[in-house]
Amino acid sequence: MNKYVNQTLIFGLAGGFACFLWFIIVYYAGANPFYSFSQKLVILLQAVICYIAIRYFREKYFNDAFSFGEGILCGLLVTVLLSVFCSVMVYAFIEIVDPEMVVSHIAELKKYLIENKKLLVDESSIDVYEGNFKNVDGVTTYTLVLDEFIWKIIRGLMFTILSSLTLRRSKV
């Protein structure tokens, strides 16, 4: 079990730092790091890190004979560590460096809802639209970071399953 913890800790922290670094780059470039466009590279980074971690683990500890379950365990540990580390760093950054980031994010969400009101009402209903508009005021630093954390876990689980399936090999 120790080998799982040591290597996954390295990959999880490195991946979390890489995701946080991208968050910082997008922030200082003047864009909103919580919008979907800025998340595209984070998704790619997370997929590559999961794949590399599982592959490295397979080659170093299992002589290329690796079960699906071992891949899942390694990938999930990396994903959880990456998600926790990045989320804590993003939360600290927002609280220390720019607490107004949440206010500007709320303003951008409201602007988006207003600009796309007709489309959103046509797809759902006016009640759903008004409910979503009211819920935007409830966004806090905690809810933003929690949302990021949950999406990183969900994506990491998908990447872990795919990587474990493609990298598994039976002992001959």
Protein backbone atom coordinates (compact mmCIF):
# COMPACT_ATOMS: atom_id res chain seq x y z
CA MET A 1 0.00 0.00 0.00
CA ASN A 2 2.92 2.34 0.67
CA LYS A 3 3.92 2.31 -3.00
CA TYR A 4 0.44 3.50 -3.95
CA VAL A 5 0.61 6.41 -1.54
CA ASN A 6 4.14 7.58 -2.38
CA GLN A 7 3.77 7.72 -6.16
CA THR A 8 0.17 8.90 -6.23
CA LEU A 9 1.06 11.68 -3.80
CA ILE A 10 3.72 12.94 -6.21
CA PHE A 11 1.42 12.78 -9.24
CA GLY A 12 -1.56 14.20 -7.33
CA LEU A 13 0.36 17.18 -5.99
CA ALA A 14 2.05 17.83 -9.33
CA GLY A 15 -1.29 17.64 -11.12
CA GLY A 16 -3.00 19.87 -8.57
CA PHE A 17 -0.21 22.40 -8.87
CA ALA A 18 -0.42 22.31 -12.70
CA CYS A 19 -4.20 22.92 -12.58
CA PHE A 20 -3.75 25.73 -10.06
CA LEU A 21 -1.00 27.26 -12.19
CA TRP A 22 -3.37 27.32 -15.18
CA PHE A 23 -5.99 28.98 -12.96
CA ILE A 24 -3.45 31.69 -12.06
CA ILE A 25 -2.40 32.18 -15.71
CA VAL A 26 -6.01 32.59 -16.84
CA TYR A 27 -6.72 34.97 -13.94
CA TYR A 28 -3.75 37.21 -14.68
CA ALA A 29 -4.57 37.14 -18.40
CA GLY A 30 -7.77 38.96 -17.43
CA ALA A 31 -10.22 36.12 -18.10
CA ASN A 32 -12.61 34.38 -15.74
CA PRO A 33 -10.95 31.09 -14.72
CA PHE A 34 -14.33 29.55 -13.91
CA TYR A 35 -15.73 29.73 -17.44
CA SER A 36 -15.78 26.64 -19.62
CA PHE A 37 -13.23 27.98 -22.13
CA SER A 38 -10.55 28.30 -19.48
CA GLN A 39 -11.41 24.83 -18.18
CA LYS A 40 -10.50 23.09 -21.45
CA LEU A 41 -6.77 22.96 -20.69
CA VAL A 42 -7.45 21.85 -17.11
CA ILE A 43 -9.46 18.94 -18.49
CA LEU A 44 -6.62 18.02 -20.83
CA LEU A 45 -4.04 18.37 -18.03
CA GLN A 46 -6.07 16.17 -15.74
CA ALA A 47 -6.50 13.48 -18.41
CA VAL A 48 -2.78 13.45 -19.25
CA ILE A 49 -1.75 13.34 -15.58
CA CYS A 50 -4.11 10.43 -14.83
CA TYR A 51 -2.87 8.49 -17.84
CA ILE A 52 0.82 9.13 -17.11
CA ALA A 53 0.41 8.24 -13.43
CA ILE A 54 -1.32 4.94 -14.18
CA ARG A 55 1.16 4.07 -16.92
CA TYR A 56 4.15 4.95 -14.74
CA PHE A 57 2.73 2.90 -11.89
CA ARG A 58 2.12 -0.09 -14.17
CA GLU A 59 5.64 -0.02 -15.61
CA LYS A 60 7.50 0.65 -12.36
CA TYR A 61 5.72 -1.66 -9.93
CA PHE A 62 3.95 -4.30 -11.96
CA ASN A 63 6.32 -5.12 -14.86
CA ASP A 64 3.58 -4.22 -17.35
CA ALA A 65 1.15 -6.74 -15.83
CA PHE A 66 -1.56 -4.54 -14.39
CA SER A 67 -5.18 -5.27 -13.49
CA PHE A 68 -8.11 -2.95 -14.00
CA GLY A 69 -8.62 -2.64 -10.23
CA GLU A 70 -5.01 -1.60 -9.63
CA GLY A 71 -5.36 1.06 -12.30
CA ILE A 72 -8.57 2.33 -10.75
CA LEU A 73 -6.98 2.51 -7.30
CA CYS A 74 -3.97 4.45 -8.59
CA GLY A 75 -6.07 6.78 -10.73
CA LEU A 76 -8.57 7.53 -7.99
CA LEU A 77 -5.86 8.34 -5.49
CA VAL A 78 -4.22 10.70 -7.98
CA THR A 79 -7.57 12.29 -8.84
CA VAL A 80 -8.56 12.86 -5.21
CA LEU A 81 -5.18 14.34 -4.31
CA LEU A 82 -5.15 16.53 -7.43
CA SER A 83 -8.68 17.76 -6.74
CA VAL A 84 -8.12 18.47 -3.05
CA PHE A 85 -4.79 20.24 -3.56
CA CYS A 86 -6.03 22.40 -6.44
CA SER A 87 -9.28 23.27 -4.64
CA VAL A 88 -7.51 24.31 -1.47
CA MET A 89 -5.07 26.47 -3.44
CA VAL A 90 -7.87 28.12 -5.46
CA TYR A 91 -9.87 28.80 -2.30
CA ALA A 92 -6.84 30.36 -0.59
CA PHE A 93 -6.06 32.42 -3.70
CA ILE A 94 -9.57 33.82 -3.90
CA GLU A 95 -9.77 34.58 -0.18
CA ILE A 96 -6.32 36.17 0.05
CA VAL A 97 -5.64 37.74 -3.34
CA ASP A 98 -9.00 38.66 -4.88
CA PRO A 99 -12.21 38.19 -2.89
CA GLU A 100 -13.95 40.33 -5.52
CA MET A 101 -13.48 37.51 -8.06
CA VAL A 102 -16.70 35.94 -6.79
CA VAL A 103 -18.62 39.20 -7.23
CA SER A 104 -17.38 39.60 -10.80
CA HIS A 105 -18.20 35.94 -11.53
CA ILE A 106 -21.76 36.50 -10.29
CA ALA A 107 -22.04 39.58 -12.52
CA GLU A 108 -20.85 37.57 -15.53
CA LEU A 109 -23.34 34.80 -14.77
CA LYS A 110 -26.18 37.32 -14.55
CA LYS A 111 -25.06 38.96 -17.78
CA TYR A 112 -25.06 35.57 -19.49
CA LEU A 113 -28.54 34.78 -18.16
CA ILE A 114 -29.90 38.15 -19.30
CA GLU A 115 -28.33 37.93 -22.77
CA ASN A 116 -29.65 34.40 -23.32
CA LYS A 117 -33.01 34.76 -21.60
CA LYS A 118 -35.11 33.93 -24.66
CA LEU A 119 -33.13 30.81 -25.46
CA LEU A 120 -33.09 29.63 -21.84
CA VAL A 121 -36.83 30.25 -21.37
CA ASP A 122 -37.61 28.44 -24.64
CA GLU A 123 -35.54 25.42 -23.54
CA SER A 124 -37.05 25.20 -20.05
CA SER A 125 -39.58 27.68 -18.63
CA ILE A 126 -39.75 31.13 -17.15
CA ASP A 127 -39.98 29.66 -13.64
CA VAL A 128 -36.75 27.70 -14.10
CA TYR A 129 -35.04 30.76 -15.56
CA GLU A 130 -36.13 32.99 -12.66
CA GLY A 131 -35.10 30.33 -10.15
CA ASN A 132 -31.65 30.11 -11.72
CA PHE A 133 -31.35 33.88 -11.75
CA LYS A 134 -32.16 34.03 -8.03
CA ASN A 135 -29.76 31.15 -7.24
CA VAL A 136 -26.85 33.05 -8.77
CA ASP A 137 -26.91 35.43 -5.81
CA GLY A 138 -26.14 32.47 -3.54
CA VAL A 139 -22.77 31.78 -5.17
CA THR A 140 -19.89 32.03 -2.70
CA THR A 141 -16.19 31.20 -2.80
CA TYR A 142 -16.99 27.91 -1.13
CA THR A 143 -19.64 26.94 -3.71
CA LEU A 144 -17.39 27.87 -6.63
CA VAL A 145 -14.49 25.83 -5.27
CA LEU A 146 -16.78 22.94 -4.34
CA ASP A 147 -18.15 22.92 -7.88
CA GLU A 148 -14.60 22.81 -9.27
CA PHE A 149 -13.69 20.01 -6.86
CA ILE A 150 -16.71 17.88 -7.78
CA TRP A 151 -16.13 18.32 -11.52
CA LYS A 152 -12.46 17.39 -11.13
CA ILE A 153 -13.47 14.22 -9.28
CA ILE A 154 -16.08 13.29 -11.91
CA ARG A 155 -13.71 13.92 -14.82
CA GLY A 156 -10.91 12.15 -13.00
CA LEU A 157 -13.10 9.10 -12.51
CA MET A 158 -13.86 9.01 -16.23
CA PHE A 159 -10.19 9.43 -17.15
CA THR A 160 -9.21 6.77 -14.60
CA ILE A 161 -11.64 4.24 -16.03
CA LEU A 162 -10.53 4.92 -19.60
CA SER A 163 -6.83 4.85 -18.71
CA SER A 164 -7.22 1.68 -16.64
CA LEU A 165 -9.04 -0.05 -19.47
CA THR A 166 -6.47 0.90 -22.07
CA LEU A 167 -3.43 0.14 -19.89
CA ARG A 168 -4.49 -3.12 -18.23
CA ARG A 169 -2.58 -6.23 -19.12
CA SER A 170 -2.87 -9.72 -17.77
CA LYS A 171 -0.01 -11.73 -16.36
CA VAL A 172 0.99 -14.41 -18.85
